[in-house]
Amino acid sequence: MNDFGWLNPSGKFYPMKGNHELWAADYVHKHYGKDYYSETRYGFGDYLEKRGWLLLHNPLGGRAEINQCYKRLTKKQKEFLFDYFIKDGAVEKAKAVLEM
């Protein structure tokens, strides 16, 4: 599966092609106003992740991986991820999501 992108806490998935940090920067600029200035020292992706977002990406060029989780997954995120990994044929990853 090659659908990578950002997953917000309410379970909405934002698929993307290209650089996930640039996408995060654009999203943060448009949706968070100037509140982000003091909190983006480590990057816009970290800014989203600290607010409960997850990045699904493929750092090694294989199947999707979940980036570092700063917060517990929401029920909606678990539901999305379970379906996402089942559709990808990654049954063990799908089961592991339920335990996160």
PDB file of N, CA and C in Angstrom:
ATOM      1  N   MET A   1       0.856  -1.174   0.000  1.00  0.00           N
ATOM      2  CA  MET A   1       0.000   0.000   0.000  1.00  0.00           C
ATOM      3  C   MET A   1       0.897   1.231   0.000  1.00  0.00           C
ATOM      4  N   ASN A   2       0.530   2.232  -0.743  1.00  0.00           N
ATOM      5  CA  ASN A   2       1.360   3.423  -0.784  1.00  0.00           C
ATOM      6  C   ASN A   2       0.584   4.672  -0.402  1.00  0.00           C
ATOM      7  N   ASP A   3      -0.418   4.527   0.434  1.00  0.00           N
ATOM      8  CA  ASP A   3      -1.171   5.666   0.939  1.00  0.00           C
ATOM      9  C   ASP A   3      -0.549   6.102   2.260  1.00  0.00           C
ATOM     10  N   PHE A   4       0.283   7.114   2.175  1.00  0.00           N
ATOM     11  CA  PHE A   4       0.929   7.627   3.368  1.00  0.00           C
ATOM     12  C   PHE A   4       0.367   9.004   3.654  1.00  0.00           C
ATOM     13  N   GLY A   5       0.506   9.449   4.891  1.00  0.00           N
ATOM     14  CA  GLY A   5       0.011  10.774   5.227  1.00  0.00           C
ATOM     15  C   GLY A   5      -0.173  10.961   6.718  1.00  0.00           C
ATOM     16  N   TRP A   6      -0.929  11.981   7.043  1.00  0.00           N
ATOM     17  CA  TRP A   6      -1.184  12.363   8.431  1.00  0.00           C
ATOM     18  C   TRP A   6      -2.591  11.935   8.853  1.00  0.00           C
ATOM     19  N   LEU A   7      -2.704  11.478  10.100  1.00  0.00           N
ATOM     20  CA  LEU A   7      -3.981  11.059  10.687  1.00  0.00           C
ATOM     21  C   LEU A   7      -4.238  11.916  11.913  1.00  0.00           C
ATOM     22  N   ASN A   8      -5.344  12.666  11.892  1.00  0.00           N
ATOM     23  CA  ASN A   8      -5.617  13.535  13.045  1.00  0.00           C
ATOM     24  C   ASN A   8      -6.332  12.760  14.150  1.00  0.00           C
ATOM     25  N   PRO A   9      -6.474  13.360  15.333  1.00  0.00           N
ATOM     26  CA  PRO A   9      -7.087  12.644  16.465  1.00  0.00           C
ATOM     27  C   PRO A   9      -8.529  12.202  16.235  1.00  0.00           C
ATOM     28  N   SER A  10      -9.256  12.880  15.335  1.00  0.00           N
ATOM     29  CA  SER A  10     -10.649  12.482  15.085  1.00  0.00           C
ATOM     30  C   SER A  10     -10.739  11.392  14.022  1.00  0.00           C
ATOM     31  N   GLY A  11      -9.581  10.897  13.566  1.00  0.00           N
ATOM     32  CA  GLY A  11      -9.579   9.785  12.621  1.00  0.00           C
ATOM     33  C   GLY A  11      -9.616  10.189  11.161  1.00  0.00           C
ATOM     34  N   LYS A  12      -9.498  11.483  10.864  1.00  0.00           N
ATOM     35  CA  LYS A  12      -9.473  11.931   9.472  1.00  0.00           C
ATOM     36  C   LYS A  12      -8.048  11.773   8.937  1.00  0.00           C
ATOM     37  N   PHE A  13      -7.959  11.118   7.790  1.00  0.00           N
ATOM     38  CA  PHE A  13      -6.669  10.854   7.166  1.00  0.00           C
ATOM     39  C   PHE A  13      -6.433  11.841   6.038  1.00  0.00           C
ATOM     40  N   TYR A  14      -5.245  12.409   6.022  1.00  0.00           N
ATOM     41  CA  TYR A  14      -4.834  13.343   4.985  1.00  0.00           C
ATOM     42  C   TYR A  14      -3.730  12.687   4.173  1.00  0.00           C
ATOM     43  N   PRO A  15      -4.095  12.012   3.076  1.00  0.00           N
ATOM     44  CA  PRO A  15      -3.061  11.380   2.257  1.00  0.00           C
ATOM     45  C   PRO A  15      -2.200  12.446   1.598  1.00  0.00           C
ATOM     46  N   MET A  16      -0.966  12.099   1.357  1.00  0.00           N
ATOM     47  CA  MET A  16      -0.075  13.064   0.741  1.00  0.00           C
ATOM     48  C   MET A  16       0.981  12.368  -0.081  1.00  0.00           C
ATOM     49  N   LYS A  17       1.464  13.086  -1.022  1.00  0.00           N
ATOM     50  CA  LYS A  17       2.603  12.651  -1.823  1.00  0.00           C
ATOM     51  C   LYS A  17       3.711  13.652  -1.521  1.00  0.00           C
ATOM     52  N   GLY A  18       4.895  13.190  -1.375  1.00  0.00           N
ATOM     53  CA  GLY A  18       6.000  14.113  -1.162  1.00  0.00           C
ATOM     54  C   GLY A  18       6.374  14.271   0.297  1.00  0.00           C
ATOM     55  N   ASN A  19       6.941  15.401   0.596  1.00  0.00           N
ATOM     56  CA  ASN A  19       7.540  15.673   1.895  1.00  0.00           C
ATOM     57  C   ASN A  19       6.500  15.918   2.981  1.00  0.00           C
ATOM     58  N   HIS A  20       6.475  15.063   3.983  1.00  0.00           N
ATOM     59  CA  HIS A  20       5.471  15.183   5.049  1.00  0.00           C
ATOM     60  C   HIS A  20       5.710  16.410   5.928  1.00  0.00           C
ATOM     61  N   GLU A  21       6.947  16.855   6.056  1.00  0.00           N
ATOM     62  CA  GLU A  21       7.235  18.040   6.866  1.00  0.00           C
ATOM     63  C   GLU A  21       6.732  19.307   6.166  1.00  0.00           C
ATOM     64  N   LEU A  22       6.877  19.376   4.855  1.00  0.00           N
ATOM     65  CA  LEU A  22       6.352  20.528   4.118  1.00  0.00           C
ATOM     66  C   LEU A  22       4.828  20.572   4.191  1.00  0.00           C
ATOM     67  N   TRP A  23       4.195  19.387   4.095  1.00  0.00           N
ATOM     68  CA  TRP A  23       2.735  19.331   4.216  1.00  0.00           C
ATOM     69  C   TRP A  23       2.323  19.827   5.603  1.00  0.00           C
ATOM     70  N   ALA A  24       3.031  19.359   6.635  1.00  0.00           N
ATOM     71  CA  ALA A  24       2.717  19.769   8.009  1.00  0.00           C
ATOM     72  C   ALA A  24       2.884  21.275   8.173  1.00  0.00           C
ATOM     73  N   ALA A  25       3.941  21.837   7.614  1.00  0.00           N
ATOM     74  CA  ALA A  25       4.172  23.282   7.710  1.00  0.00           C
ATOM     75  C   ALA A  25       3.013  24.050   7.086  1.00  0.00           C
ATOM     76  N   ASP A  26       2.591  23.630   5.913  1.00  0.00           N
ATOM     77  CA  ASP A  26       1.482  24.292   5.230  1.00  0.00           C
ATOM     78  C   ASP A  26       0.203  24.189   6.055  1.00  0.00           C
ATOM     79  N   TYR A  27      -0.079  22.997   6.577  1.00  0.00           N
ATOM     80  CA  TYR A  27      -1.296  22.794   7.371  1.00  0.00           C
ATOM     81  C   TYR A  27      -1.276  23.648   8.643  1.00  0.00           C
ATOM     82  N   VAL A  28      -0.159  23.633   9.338  1.00  0.00           N
ATOM     83  CA  VAL A  28      -0.047  24.404  10.585  1.00  0.00           C
ATOM     84  C   VAL A  28      -0.217  25.891  10.303  1.00  0.00           C
ATOM     85  N   HIS A  29       0.419  26.392   9.258  1.00  0.00           N
ATOM     86  CA  HIS A  29       0.277  27.813   8.905  1.00  0.00           C
ATOM     87  C   HIS A  29      -1.176  28.174   8.653  1.00  0.00           C
ATOM     88  N   LYS A  30      -1.902  27.307   7.953  1.00  0.00           N
ATOM     89  CA  LYS A  30      -3.288  27.599   7.585  1.00  0.00           C
ATOM     90  C   LYS A  30      -4.272  27.428   8.736  1.00  0.00           C
ATOM     91  N   HIS A  31      -4.014  26.466   9.650  1.00  0.00           N
ATOM     92  CA  HIS A  31      -5.038  26.098  10.629  1.00  0.00           C
ATOM     93  C   HIS A  31      -4.736  26.448  12.082  1.00  0.00           C
ATOM     94  N   TYR A  32      -3.526  26.793  12.392  1.00  0.00           N
ATOM     95  CA  TYR A  32      -3.197  27.071  13.786  1.00  0.00           C
ATOM     96  C   TYR A  32      -2.798  28.515  14.038  1.00  0.00           C
ATOM     97  N   GLY A  33      -2.875  29.355  13.034  1.00  0.00           N
ATOM     98  CA  GLY A  33      -2.555  30.758  13.230  1.00  0.00           C
ATOM     99  C   GLY A  33      -1.133  30.954  13.716  1.00  0.00           C
ATOM    100  N   LYS A  34      -0.920  31.969  14.524  1.00  0.00           N
ATOM    101  CA  LYS A  34       0.424  32.298  14.983  1.00  0.00           C
ATOM    102  C   LYS A  34       0.811  31.581  16.267  1.00  0.00           C
ATOM    103  N   ASP A  35      -0.070  30.772  16.823  1.00  0.00           N
ATOM    104  CA  ASP A  35       0.230  30.054  18.062  1.00  0.00           C
ATOM    105  C   ASP A  35       1.406  29.102  17.907  1.00  0.00           C
ATOM    106  N   TYR A  36       1.708  28.708  16.692  1.00  0.00           N
ATOM    107  CA  TYR A  36       2.741  27.712  16.482  1.00  0.00           C
ATOM    108  C   TYR A  36       4.156  28.280  16.568  1.00  0.00           C
ATOM    109  N   TYR A  37       4.325  29.591  16.464  1.00  0.00           N
ATOM    110  CA  TYR A  37       5.671  30.162  16.405  1.00  0.00           C
ATOM    111  C   TYR A  37       6.587  29.700  17.525  1.00  0.00           C
ATOM    112  N   SER A  38       6.084  29.698  18.742  1.00  0.00           N
ATOM    113  CA  SER A  38       6.949  29.346  19.870  1.00  0.00           C
ATOM    114  C   SER A  38       7.119  27.838  20.039  1.00  0.00           C
ATOM    115  N   GLU A  39       6.362  27.040  19.296  1.00  0.00           N
ATOM    116  CA  GLU A  39       6.385  25.594  19.493  1.00  0.00           C
ATOM    117  C   GLU A  39       6.928  24.799  18.309  1.00  0.00           C
ATOM    118  N   THR A  40       7.439  25.443  17.306  1.00  0.00           N
ATOM    119  CA  THR A  40       7.888  24.710  16.131  1.00  0.00           C
ATOM    120  C   THR A  40       9.408  24.592  16.063  1.00  0.00           C
ATOM    121  N   ARG A  41      10.023  24.676  17.188  1.00  0.00           N
ATOM    122  CA  ARG A  41      11.477  24.609  17.250  1.00  0.00           C
ATOM    123  C   ARG A  41      12.023  23.322  16.634  1.00  0.00           C
ATOM    124  N   TYR A  42      11.291  22.234  16.803  1.00  0.00           N
ATOM    125  CA  TYR A  42      11.752  20.945  16.293  1.00  0.00           C
ATOM    126  C   TYR A  42      11.082  20.552  14.988  1.00  0.00           C
ATOM    127  N   GLY A  43      10.169  21.359  14.502  1.00  0.00           N
ATOM    128  CA  GLY A  43       9.527  21.071  13.234  1.00  0.00           C
ATOM    129  C   GLY A  43       8.015  21.063  13.334  1.00  0.00           C
ATOM    130  N   PHE A  44       7.402  21.240  12.195  1.00  0.00           N
ATOM    131  CA  PHE A  44       5.945  21.302  12.139  1.00  0.00           C
ATOM    132  C   PHE A  44       5.318  19.925  12.346  1.00  0.00           C
ATOM    133  N   GLY A  45       6.012  18.879  11.929  1.00  0.00           N
ATOM    134  CA  GLY A  45       5.518  17.535  12.185  1.00  0.00           C
ATOM    135  C   GLY A  45       5.423  17.259  13.676  1.00  0.00           C
ATOM    136  N   ASP A  46       6.442  17.656  14.419  1.00  0.00           N
ATOM    137  CA  ASP A  46       6.402  17.499  15.876  1.00  0.00           C
ATOM    138  C   ASP A  46       5.254  18.300  16.477  1.00  0.00           C
ATOM    139  N   TYR A  47       5.003  19.481  15.939  1.00  0.00           N
ATOM    140  CA  TYR A  47       3.902  20.312  16.418  1.00  0.00           C
ATOM    141  C   TYR A  47       2.576  19.554  16.299  1.00  0.00           C
ATOM    142  N   LEU A  48       2.352  18.921  15.147  1.00  0.00           N
ATOM    143  CA  LEU A  48       1.123  18.145  14.968  1.00  0.00           C
ATOM    144  C   LEU A  48       1.104  16.914  15.871  1.00  0.00           C
ATOM    145  N   GLU A  49       2.224  16.212  15.955  1.00  0.00           N
ATOM    146  CA  GLU A  49       2.280  14.992  16.762  1.00  0.00           C
ATOM    147  C   GLU A  49       2.014  15.283  18.236  1.00  0.00           C
ATOM    148  N   LYS A  50       2.487  16.402  18.729  1.00  0.00           N
ATOM    149  CA  LYS A  50       2.229  16.761  20.133  1.00  0.00           C
ATOM    150  C   LYS A  50       0.765  17.083  20.369  1.00  0.00           C
ATOM    151  N   ARG A  51       0.020  17.280  19.307  1.00  0.00           N
ATOM    152  CA  ARG A  51      -1.419  17.504  19.399  1.00  0.00           C
ATOM    153  C   ARG A  51      -2.207  16.242  19.066  1.00  0.00           C
ATOM    154  N   GLY A  52      -1.517  15.120  19.020  1.00  0.00           N
ATOM    155  CA  GLY A  52      -2.201  13.850  18.843  1.00  0.00           C
ATOM    156  C   GLY A  52      -2.255  13.321  17.425  1.00  0.00           C
ATOM    157  N   TRP A  53      -1.650  14.009  16.482  1.00  0.00           N
ATOM    158  CA  TRP A  53      -1.624  13.524  15.102  1.00  0.00           C
ATOM    159  C   TRP A  53      -0.610  12.398  14.975  1.00  0.00           C
ATOM    160  N   LEU A  54      -0.831  11.537  13.976  1.00  0.00           N
ATOM    161  CA  LEU A  54       0.106  10.462  13.656  1.00  0.00           C
ATOM    162  C   LEU A  54       0.546  10.583  12.209  1.00  0.00           C
ATOM    163  N   LEU A  55       1.787  10.246  11.978  1.00  0.00           N
ATOM    164  CA  LEU A  55       2.296  10.209  10.620  1.00  0.00           C
ATOM    165  C   LEU A  55       2.443   8.759  10.191  1.00  0.00           C
ATOM    166  N   LEU A  56       1.830   8.416   9.090  1.00  0.00           N
ATOM    167  CA  LEU A  56       2.014   7.103   8.468  1.00  0.00           C
ATOM    168  C   LEU A  56       2.966   7.310   7.304  1.00  0.00           C
ATOM    169  N   HIS A  57       4.135   6.728   7.411  1.00  0.00           N
ATOM    170  CA  HIS A  57       5.151   6.943   6.379  1.00  0.00           C
ATOM    171  C   HIS A  57       5.953   5.670   6.174  1.00  0.00           C
ATOM    172  N   ASN A  58       6.874   5.715   5.263  1.00  0.00           N
ATOM    173  CA  ASN A  58       7.688   4.536   4.964  1.00  0.00           C
ATOM    174  C   ASN A  58       9.171   4.909   4.925  1.00  0.00           C
ATOM    175  N   PRO A  59       9.777   5.073   6.082  1.00  0.00           N
ATOM    176  CA  PRO A  59      11.166   5.535   6.121  1.00  0.00           C
ATOM    177  C   PRO A  59      12.157   4.586   5.446  1.00  0.00           C
ATOM    178  N   LEU A  60      11.826   3.332   5.362  1.00  0.00           N
ATOM    179  CA  LEU A  60      12.732   2.364   4.739  1.00  0.00           C
ATOM    180  C   LEU A  60      12.235   1.906   3.371  1.00  0.00           C
ATOM    181  N   GLY A  61      11.199   2.572   2.862  1.00  0.00           N
ATOM    182  CA  GLY A  61      10.693   2.237   1.545  1.00  0.00           C
ATOM    183  C   GLY A  61       9.800   1.011   1.502  1.00  0.00           C
ATOM    184  N   GLY A  62       9.352   0.531   2.648  1.00  0.00           N
ATOM    185  CA  GLY A  62       8.485  -0.635   2.686  1.00  0.00           C
ATOM    186  C   GLY A  62       7.064  -0.261   3.028  1.00  0.00           C
ATOM    187  N   ARG A  63       6.475  -1.070   3.876  1.00  0.00           N
ATOM    188  CA  ARG A  63       5.106  -0.810   4.311  1.00  0.00           C
ATOM    189  C   ARG A  63       5.055   0.378   5.267  1.00  0.00           C
ATOM    190  N   ALA A  64       3.873   0.906   5.421  1.00  0.00           N
ATOM    191  CA  ALA A  64       3.673   2.072   6.282  1.00  0.00           C
ATOM    192  C   ALA A  64       4.019   1.763   7.731  1.00  0.00           C
ATOM    193  N   GLU A  65       4.618   2.736   8.358  1.00  0.00           N
ATOM    194  CA  GLU A  65       4.937   2.687   9.783  1.00  0.00           C
ATOM    195  C   GLU A  65       4.300   3.901  10.446  1.00  0.00           C
ATOM    196  N   ILE A  66       3.969   3.751  11.724  1.00  0.00           N
ATOM    197  CA  ILE A  66       3.448   4.867  12.505  1.00  0.00           C
ATOM    198  C   ILE A  66       4.633   5.575  13.125  1.00  0.00           C
ATOM    199  N   ASN A  67       4.686   6.879  12.936  1.00  0.00           N
ATOM    200  CA  ASN A  67       5.749   7.661  13.551  1.00  0.00           C
ATOM    201  C   ASN A  67       5.530   7.724  15.062  1.00  0.00           C
ATOM    202  N   GLN A  68       6.486   8.217  15.775  1.00  0.00           N
ATOM    203  CA  GLN A  68       6.437   8.340  17.236  1.00  0.00           C
ATOM    204  C   GLN A  68       5.090   8.864  17.710  1.00  0.00           C
ATOM    205  N   CYS A  69       4.516   8.212  18.697  1.00  0.00           N
ATOM    206  CA  CYS A  69       3.254   8.661  19.281  1.00  0.00           C
ATOM    207  C   CYS A  69       3.544   9.402  20.576  1.00  0.00           C
ATOM    208  N   TYR A  70       3.117  10.652  20.655  1.00  0.00           N
ATOM    209  CA  TYR A  70       3.290  11.422  21.876  1.00  0.00           C
ATOM    210  C   TYR A  70       2.118  11.225  22.832  1.00  0.00           C
ATOM    211  N   LYS A  71       0.986  10.835  22.286  1.00  0.00           N
ATOM    212  CA  LYS A  71      -0.226  10.679  23.092  1.00  0.00           C
ATOM    213  C   LYS A  71      -0.841   9.322  22.801  1.00  0.00           C
ATOM    214  N   ARG A  72      -1.763   8.916  23.656  1.00  0.00           N
ATOM    215  CA  ARG A  72      -2.492   7.676  23.402  1.00  0.00           C
ATOM    216  C   ARG A  72      -3.339   7.854  22.151  1.00  0.00           C
ATOM    217  N   LEU A  73      -3.479   6.782  21.426  1.00  0.00           N
ATOM    218  CA  LEU A  73      -4.324   6.824  20.243  1.00  0.00           C
ATOM    219  C   LEU A  73      -5.780   7.003  20.641  1.00  0.00           C
ATOM    220  N   THR A  74      -6.500   7.766  19.855  1.00  0.00           N
ATOM    221  CA  THR A  74      -7.931   7.908  20.098  1.00  0.00           C
ATOM    222  C   THR A  74      -8.645   6.682  19.528  1.00  0.00           C
ATOM    223  N   LYS A  75      -9.872   6.505  19.924  1.00  0.00           N
ATOM    224  CA  LYS A  75     -10.658   5.392  19.405  1.00  0.00           C
ATOM    225  C   LYS A  75     -10.782   5.498  17.882  1.00  0.00           C
ATOM    226  N   LYS A  76     -11.005   6.695  17.381  1.00  0.00           N
ATOM    227  CA  LYS A  76     -11.142   6.905  15.936  1.00  0.00           C
ATOM    228  C   LYS A  76      -9.840   6.591  15.208  1.00  0.00           C
ATOM    229  N   GLN A  77      -8.703   6.944  15.790  1.00  0.00           N
ATOM    230  CA  GLN A  77      -7.416   6.616  15.176  1.00  0.00           C
ATOM    231  C   GLN A  77      -7.205   5.107  15.145  1.00  0.00           C
ATOM    232  N   LYS A  78      -7.541   4.430  16.236  1.00  0.00           N
ATOM    233  CA  LYS A  78      -7.398   2.975  16.273  1.00  0.00           C
ATOM    234  C   LYS A  78      -8.265   2.311  15.212  1.00  0.00           C
ATOM    235  N   GLU A  79      -9.498   2.789  15.080  1.00  0.00           N
ATOM    236  CA  GLU A  79     -10.398   2.222  14.079  1.00  0.00           C
ATOM    237  C   GLU A  79      -9.837   2.420  12.671  1.00  0.00           C
ATOM    238  N   PHE A  80      -9.365   3.635  12.387  1.00  0.00           N
ATOM    239  CA  PHE A  80      -8.799   3.901  11.071  1.00  0.00           C
ATOM    240  C   PHE A  80      -7.583   3.005  10.820  1.00  0.00           C
ATOM    241  N   LEU A  81      -6.661   2.968  11.794  1.00  0.00           N
ATOM    242  CA  LEU A  81      -5.427   2.208  11.624  1.00  0.00           C
ATOM    243  C   LEU A  81      -5.691   0.714  11.480  1.00  0.00           C
ATOM    244  N   PHE A  82      -6.642   0.189  12.245  1.00  0.00           N
ATOM    245  CA  PHE A  82      -6.984  -1.224  12.131  1.00  0.00           C
ATOM    246  C   PHE A  82      -7.406  -1.530  10.686  1.00  0.00           C
ATOM    247  N   ASP A  83      -8.344  -0.752  10.172  1.00  0.00           N
ATOM    248  CA  ASP A  83      -8.816  -0.956   8.799  1.00  0.00           C
ATOM    249  C   ASP A  83      -7.693  -0.748   7.788  1.00  0.00           C
ATOM    250  N   TYR A  84      -6.873   0.259   8.015  1.00  0.00           N
ATOM    251  CA  TYR A  84      -5.753   0.585   7.130  1.00  0.00           C
ATOM    252  C   TYR A  84      -4.796  -0.596   7.007  1.00  0.00           C
ATOM    253  N   PHE A  85      -4.403  -1.157   8.154  1.00  0.00           N
ATOM    254  CA  PHE A  85      -3.445  -2.261   8.127  1.00  0.00           C
ATOM    255  C   PHE A  85      -4.069  -3.558   7.614  1.00  0.00           C
ATOM    256  N   ILE A  86      -5.349  -3.795   7.915  1.00  0.00           N
ATOM    257  CA  ILE A  86      -6.032  -4.974   7.361  1.00  0.00           C
ATOM    258  C   ILE A  86      -6.054  -4.887   5.840  1.00  0.00           C
ATOM    259  N   LYS A  87      -6.408  -3.707   5.316  1.00  0.00           N
ATOM    260  CA  LYS A  87      -6.451  -3.510   3.866  1.00  0.00           C
ATOM    261  C   LYS A  87      -5.071  -3.735   3.244  1.00  0.00           C
ATOM    262  N   ASP A  88      -4.019  -3.444   4.000  1.00  0.00           N
ATOM    263  CA  ASP A  88      -2.646  -3.619   3.516  1.00  0.00           C
ATOM    264  C   ASP A  88      -2.156  -5.059   3.685  1.00  0.00           C
ATOM    265  N   GLY A  89      -2.953  -5.896   4.348  1.00  0.00           N
ATOM    266  CA  GLY A  89      -2.547  -7.278   4.580  1.00  0.00           C
ATOM    267  C   GLY A  89      -1.608  -7.440   5.769  1.00  0.00           C
ATOM    268  N   ALA A  90      -1.496  -6.395   6.579  1.00  0.00           N
ATOM    269  CA  ALA A  90      -0.611  -6.406   7.751  1.00  0.00           C
ATOM    270  C   ALA A  90      -1.447  -6.713   9.000  1.00  0.00           C
ATOM    271  N   VAL A  91      -1.897  -7.962   9.107  1.00  0.00           N
ATOM    272  CA  VAL A  91      -2.815  -8.374  10.168  1.00  0.00           C
ATOM    273  C   VAL A  91      -2.197  -8.191  11.559  1.00  0.00           C
ATOM    274  N   GLU A  92      -0.925  -8.526  11.708  1.00  0.00           N
ATOM    275  CA  GLU A  92      -0.289  -8.374  13.023  1.00  0.00           C
ATOM    276  C   GLU A  92      -0.205  -6.910  13.462  1.00  0.00           C
ATOM    277  N   LYS A  93       0.067  -6.026  12.511  1.00  0.00           N
ATOM    278  CA  LYS A  93       0.083  -4.600  12.833  1.00  0.00           C
ATOM    279  C   LYS A  93      -1.318  -4.122  13.229  1.00  0.00           C
ATOM    280  N   ALA A  94      -2.319  -4.625  12.532  1.00  0.00           N
ATOM    281  CA  ALA A  94      -3.701  -4.263  12.845  1.00  0.00           C
ATOM    282  C   ALA A  94      -4.056  -4.694  14.261  1.00  0.00           C
ATOM    283  N   LYS A  95      -3.678  -5.903  14.625  1.00  0.00           N
ATOM    284  CA  LYS A  95      -3.963  -6.392  15.981  1.00  0.00           C
ATOM    285  C   LYS A  95      -3.201  -5.569  17.018  1.00  0.00           C
ATOM    286  N   ALA A  96      -1.963  -5.214  16.707  1.00  0.00           N
ATOM    287  CA  ALA A  96      -1.147  -4.444  17.651  1.00  0.00           C
ATOM    288  C   ALA A  96      -1.738  -3.067  17.920  1.00  0.00           C
ATOM    289  N   VAL A  97      -2.389  -2.486  16.912  1.00  0.00           N
ATOM    290  CA  VAL A  97      -3.011  -1.168  17.085  1.00  0.00           C
ATOM    291  C   VAL A  97      -4.054  -1.216  18.183  1.00  0.00           C
ATOM    292  N   LEU A  98      -4.803  -2.301  18.261  1.00  0.00           N
ATOM    293  CA  LEU A  98      -5.851  -2.413  19.265  1.00  0.00           C
ATOM    294  C   LEU A  98      -5.301  -2.413  20.683  1.00  0.00           C
ATOM    295  N   GLU A  99      -4.040  -2.777  20.829  1.00  0.00           N
ATOM    296  CA  GLU A  99      -3.415  -2.811  22.152  1.00  0.00           C
ATOM    297  C   GLU A  99      -2.676  -1.521  22.494  1.00  0.00           C
ATOM    298  N   MET A 100      -2.618  -0.596  21.570  1.00  0.00           N
ATOM    299  CA  MET A 100      -1.893   0.660  21.802  1.00  0.00           C
ATOM    300  C   MET A 100      -2.719   1.611  22.674  1.00  0.00           C
TER     301      MET A 100
END
